Amino acid sequence: MAFSLAAIALGFYLNITATEMSIIFFTILLGLSAEMINTALEAMTDLITQKWQSQAKIAKDVSAGMMLLVAIGAVLIALSIFGPYLRLRYGIF
């Protein structure tokens, strides 16, 4: 949530376009949704079985992997949107 708020604040500070801000908001919502699905799958897996099972481990690993992919994608989207603005303003990225 802290990174989400920072991305929104940076978007307003750098005065990015409405389309770019919409992409930032969509990316945040996608990340939150993926985290909720991950949490739900892990909780359901724990509800079904408390003992270690390879199928339960696979389900948890795949849902965690989904969240990791979304997080990596969010970072790449942030770099592609904020990078040019930061490069012009501060000479970084």
N, C-alpha and C. Protein backbone atom coordinates (compact mmCIF):
# COMPACT_ATOMS: atom_id res chain seq x y z
N MET A 1 0.82 -1.19 0.00
CA MET A 1 0.00 0.00 0.00
C MET A 1 0.87 1.26 0.00
N ALA A 2 1.99 1.20 0.69
CA ALA A 2 2.87 2.37 0.73
C ALA A 2 3.40 2.70 -0.66
N PHE A 3 3.80 1.66 -1.41
CA PHE A 3 4.29 1.89 -2.76
C PHE A 3 3.17 2.40 -3.67
N SER A 4 1.96 1.91 -3.44
CA SER A 4 0.81 2.39 -4.23
C SER A 4 0.58 3.87 -3.99
N LEU A 5 0.58 4.26 -2.73
CA LEU A 5 0.39 5.67 -2.41
C LEU A 5 1.54 6.52 -2.95
N ALA A 6 2.75 5.99 -2.88
CA ALA A 6 3.91 6.72 -3.42
C ALA A 6 3.79 6.89 -4.93
N ALA A 7 3.32 5.86 -5.63
CA ALA A 7 3.15 5.94 -7.08
C ALA A 7 2.10 6.98 -7.45
N ILE A 8 1.00 7.01 -6.72
CA ILE A 8 -0.04 8.01 -6.98
C ILE A 8 0.49 9.41 -6.72
N ALA A 9 1.17 9.59 -5.59
CA ALA A 9 1.73 10.91 -5.26
C ALA A 9 2.76 11.33 -6.30
N LEU A 10 3.62 10.41 -6.73
CA LEU A 10 4.62 10.73 -7.75
C LEU A 10 3.96 11.09 -9.07
N GLY A 11 2.88 10.40 -9.39
CA GLY A 11 2.14 10.72 -10.61
C GLY A 11 1.60 12.14 -10.59
N PHE A 12 1.05 12.54 -9.46
CA PHE A 12 0.55 13.93 -9.34
C PHE A 12 1.71 14.92 -9.35
N TYR A 13 2.80 14.58 -8.67
CA TYR A 13 3.95 15.47 -8.61
C TYR A 13 4.57 15.70 -9.98
N LEU A 14 4.69 14.61 -10.75
CA LEU A 14 5.31 14.72 -12.07
C LEU A 14 4.32 15.14 -13.15
N ASN A 15 3.04 15.27 -12.77
CA ASN A 15 1.99 15.72 -13.69
C ASN A 15 1.90 14.80 -14.92
N ILE A 16 1.81 13.49 -14.66
CA ILE A 16 1.70 12.54 -15.76
C ILE A 16 0.31 12.67 -16.39
N THR A 17 0.15 12.11 -17.59
CA THR A 17 -1.12 12.24 -18.30
C THR A 17 -2.21 11.43 -17.61
N ALA A 18 -3.45 11.74 -17.96
CA ALA A 18 -4.59 11.01 -17.39
C ALA A 18 -4.54 9.54 -17.77
N THR A 19 -4.12 9.25 -18.99
CA THR A 19 -4.00 7.86 -19.43
C THR A 19 -2.96 7.12 -18.59
N GLU A 20 -1.82 7.75 -18.36
CA GLU A 20 -0.77 7.12 -17.56
C GLU A 20 -1.23 6.92 -16.12
N MET A 21 -1.96 7.89 -15.57
CA MET A 21 -2.47 7.76 -14.21
C MET A 21 -3.50 6.63 -14.15
N SER A 22 -4.29 6.48 -15.19
CA SER A 22 -5.25 5.37 -15.24
C SER A 22 -4.53 4.03 -15.25
N ILE A 23 -3.43 3.95 -15.97
CA ILE A 23 -2.64 2.71 -16.00
C ILE A 23 -2.07 2.43 -14.61
N ILE A 24 -1.61 3.47 -13.92
CA ILE A 24 -1.09 3.30 -12.55
C ILE A 24 -2.19 2.77 -11.64
N PHE A 25 -3.39 3.37 -11.71
CA PHE A 25 -4.50 2.92 -10.87
C PHE A 25 -4.88 1.48 -11.20
N PHE A 26 -4.94 1.13 -12.49
CA PHE A 26 -5.27 -0.23 -12.89
C PHE A 26 -4.23 -1.22 -12.38
N THR A 27 -2.98 -0.84 -12.46
CA THR A 27 -1.90 -1.71 -11.99
C THR A 27 -2.00 -1.94 -10.48
N ILE A 28 -2.32 -0.89 -9.75
CA ILE A 28 -2.51 -1.02 -8.30
C ILE A 28 -3.68 -1.97 -8.00
N LEU A 29 -4.79 -1.78 -8.70
CA LEU A 29 -5.95 -2.65 -8.49
C LEU A 29 -5.64 -4.10 -8.87
N LEU A 30 -4.87 -4.29 -9.92
CA LEU A 30 -4.47 -5.64 -10.31
C LEU A 30 -3.62 -6.28 -9.22
N GLY A 31 -2.68 -5.52 -8.66
CA GLY A 31 -1.82 -6.04 -7.58
C GLY A 31 -2.62 -6.39 -6.34
N LEU A 32 -3.55 -5.52 -5.97
CA LEU A 32 -4.38 -5.80 -4.79
C LEU A 32 -5.27 -7.02 -5.03
N SER A 33 -5.81 -7.13 -6.23
CA SER A 33 -6.66 -8.28 -6.56
C SER A 33 -5.85 -9.58 -6.53
N ALA A 34 -4.66 -9.56 -7.10
CA ALA A 34 -3.83 -10.75 -7.10
C ALA A 34 -3.46 -11.16 -5.67
N GLU A 35 -3.19 -10.19 -4.82
CA GLU A 35 -2.87 -10.49 -3.42
C GLU A 35 -4.06 -11.09 -2.70
N MET A 36 -5.26 -10.59 -2.99
CA MET A 36 -6.46 -11.14 -2.37
C MET A 36 -6.71 -12.58 -2.83
N ILE A 37 -6.51 -12.85 -4.11
CA ILE A 37 -6.67 -14.22 -4.62
C ILE A 37 -5.63 -15.14 -3.98
N ASN A 38 -4.39 -14.67 -3.89
CA ASN A 38 -3.32 -15.45 -3.27
C ASN A 38 -3.68 -15.78 -1.82
N THR A 39 -4.12 -14.80 -1.08
CA THR A 39 -4.48 -15.02 0.32
C THR A 39 -5.65 -15.99 0.44
N ALA A 40 -6.65 -15.85 -0.42
CA ALA A 40 -7.81 -16.74 -0.38
C ALA A 40 -7.41 -18.18 -0.69
N LEU A 41 -6.58 -18.38 -1.72
CA LEU A 41 -6.14 -19.73 -2.06
C LEU A 41 -5.32 -20.36 -0.94
N GLU A 42 -4.46 -19.59 -0.32
CA GLU A 42 -3.68 -20.13 0.80
C GLU A 42 -4.57 -20.48 1.98
N ALA A 43 -5.55 -19.62 2.27
CA ALA A 43 -6.45 -19.90 3.39
C ALA A 43 -7.31 -21.13 3.11
N MET A 44 -7.80 -21.27 1.88
CA MET A 44 -8.59 -22.45 1.53
C MET A 44 -7.76 -23.72 1.60
N THR A 45 -6.52 -23.63 1.15
CA THR A 45 -5.62 -24.80 1.21
C THR A 45 -5.39 -25.21 2.66
N ASP A 46 -5.18 -24.23 3.53
CA ASP A 46 -4.99 -24.54 4.95
C ASP A 46 -6.26 -25.10 5.58
N LEU A 47 -7.42 -24.64 5.11
CA LEU A 47 -8.69 -25.14 5.63
C LEU A 47 -8.92 -26.59 5.23
N ILE A 48 -8.52 -26.93 4.01
CA ILE A 48 -8.73 -28.28 3.50
C ILE A 48 -7.79 -29.27 4.18
N THR A 49 -6.53 -28.87 4.34
CA THR A 49 -5.58 -29.79 4.97
C THR A 49 -4.56 -29.02 5.79
N GLN A 50 -4.27 -29.51 6.98
CA GLN A 50 -3.25 -28.91 7.83
C GLN A 50 -1.91 -29.63 7.70
N LYS A 51 -1.95 -30.88 7.19
CA LYS A 51 -0.70 -31.62 7.04
C LYS A 51 -0.06 -31.29 5.69
N TRP A 52 1.25 -31.52 5.62
CA TRP A 52 1.98 -31.21 4.40
C TRP A 52 1.57 -32.17 3.29
N GLN A 53 1.18 -31.60 2.14
CA GLN A 53 0.87 -32.40 0.95
C GLN A 53 1.45 -31.69 -0.26
N SER A 54 1.97 -32.46 -1.18
CA SER A 54 2.62 -31.85 -2.34
C SER A 54 1.64 -31.03 -3.19
N GLN A 55 0.39 -31.46 -3.29
CA GLN A 55 -0.60 -30.71 -4.06
C GLN A 55 -0.91 -29.36 -3.40
N ALA A 56 -0.96 -29.35 -2.09
CA ALA A 56 -1.21 -28.10 -1.37
C ALA A 56 -0.04 -27.15 -1.56
N LYS A 57 1.17 -27.69 -1.54
CA LYS A 57 2.36 -26.87 -1.75
C LYS A 57 2.35 -26.27 -3.16
N ILE A 58 1.96 -27.07 -4.15
CA ILE A 58 1.90 -26.57 -5.53
C ILE A 58 0.89 -25.43 -5.64
N ALA A 59 -0.28 -25.60 -5.04
CA ALA A 59 -1.31 -24.57 -5.09
C ALA A 59 -0.81 -23.27 -4.47
N LYS A 60 -0.16 -23.38 -3.33
CA LYS A 60 0.36 -22.19 -2.66
C LYS A 60 1.50 -21.55 -3.45
N ASP A 61 2.38 -22.37 -4.01
CA ASP A 61 3.50 -21.83 -4.79
C ASP A 61 3.02 -21.13 -6.06
N VAL A 62 2.02 -21.71 -6.72
CA VAL A 62 1.50 -21.10 -7.95
C VAL A 62 0.82 -19.77 -7.63
N SER A 63 0.05 -19.72 -6.57
CA SER A 63 -0.62 -18.46 -6.24
C SER A 63 0.39 -17.40 -5.80
N ALA A 64 1.44 -17.80 -5.10
CA ALA A 64 2.49 -16.85 -4.73
C ALA A 64 3.26 -16.40 -5.98
N GLY A 65 3.47 -17.32 -6.92
CA GLY A 65 4.13 -16.97 -8.17
C GLY A 65 3.32 -15.98 -8.98
N MET A 66 1.99 -16.11 -8.96
CA MET A 66 1.12 -15.15 -9.63
C MET A 66 1.33 -13.76 -9.05
N MET A 67 1.40 -13.67 -7.74
CA MET A 67 1.60 -12.38 -7.10
C MET A 67 2.97 -11.81 -7.45
N LEU A 68 3.98 -12.65 -7.51
CA LEU A 68 5.32 -12.20 -7.88
C LEU A 68 5.34 -11.66 -9.30
N LEU A 69 4.68 -12.34 -10.23
CA LEU A 69 4.63 -11.85 -11.61
C LEU A 69 3.92 -10.50 -11.71
N VAL A 70 2.83 -10.35 -10.98
CA VAL A 70 2.12 -9.07 -10.98
C VAL A 70 3.00 -7.97 -10.41
N ALA A 71 3.73 -8.27 -9.34
CA ALA A 71 4.62 -7.28 -8.73
C ALA A 71 5.75 -6.87 -9.68
N ILE A 72 6.34 -7.85 -10.37
CA ILE A 72 7.40 -7.53 -11.34
C ILE A 72 6.83 -6.68 -12.47
N GLY A 73 5.65 -7.05 -12.95
CA GLY A 73 4.99 -6.26 -13.99
C GLY A 73 4.70 -4.84 -13.54
N ALA A 74 4.29 -4.67 -12.29
CA ALA A 74 4.00 -3.34 -11.75
C ALA A 74 5.25 -2.48 -11.72
N VAL A 75 6.36 -3.08 -11.35
CA VAL A 75 7.63 -2.33 -11.33
C VAL A 75 8.02 -1.91 -12.75
N LEU A 76 7.87 -2.82 -13.71
CA LEU A 76 8.19 -2.48 -15.10
C LEU A 76 7.29 -1.38 -15.65
N ILE A 77 6.01 -1.45 -15.31
CA ILE A 77 5.08 -0.40 -15.74
C ILE A 77 5.46 0.93 -15.11
N ALA A 78 5.77 0.92 -13.81
CA ALA A 78 6.18 2.16 -13.13
C ALA A 78 7.43 2.75 -13.77
N LEU A 79 8.40 1.90 -14.07
CA LEU A 79 9.63 2.40 -14.71
C LEU A 79 9.35 2.98 -16.09
N SER A 80 8.47 2.33 -16.85
CA SER A 80 8.18 2.83 -18.19
C SER A 80 7.38 4.13 -18.17
N ILE A 81 6.57 4.33 -17.16
CA ILE A 81 5.79 5.57 -17.07
C ILE A 81 6.60 6.68 -16.41
N PHE A 82 7.19 6.40 -15.26
CA PHE A 82 7.89 7.45 -14.52
C PHE A 82 9.29 7.73 -15.05
N GLY A 83 9.91 6.73 -15.69
CA GLY A 83 11.28 6.88 -16.18
C GLY A 83 11.50 8.11 -17.04
N PRO A 84 10.72 8.29 -18.11
CA PRO A 84 10.94 9.47 -18.96
C PRO A 84 10.76 10.80 -18.22
N TYR A 85 9.80 10.87 -17.33
CA TYR A 85 9.58 12.10 -16.55
C TYR A 85 10.77 12.38 -15.63
N LEU A 86 11.24 11.32 -14.96
CA LEU A 86 12.38 11.49 -14.06
C LEU A 86 13.66 11.80 -14.82
N ARG A 87 13.79 11.24 -16.01
CA ARG A 87 14.96 11.50 -16.84
C ARG A 87 14.98 12.97 -17.28
N LEU A 88 13.84 13.47 -17.70
CA LEU A 88 13.76 14.88 -18.15
C LEU A 88 13.99 15.85 -16.99
N ARG A 89 13.37 15.54 -15.85
CA ARG A 89 13.41 16.48 -14.73
C ARG A 89 14.72 16.40 -13.95
N TYR A 90 15.21 15.18 -13.71
CA TYR A 90 16.34 15.00 -12.81
C TYR A 90 17.54 14.31 -13.45
N GLY A 91 17.38 13.85 -14.67
CA GLY A 91 18.49 13.18 -15.36
C GLY A 91 18.78 11.78 -14.85
N ILE A 92 17.78 11.13 -14.21
CA ILE A 92 17.98 9.76 -13.73
C ILE A 92 17.13 8.81 -14.55
N PHE A 93 17.51 7.56 -14.57
CA PHE A 93 16.86 6.47 -15.33
C PHE A 93 17.14 6.71 -16.78
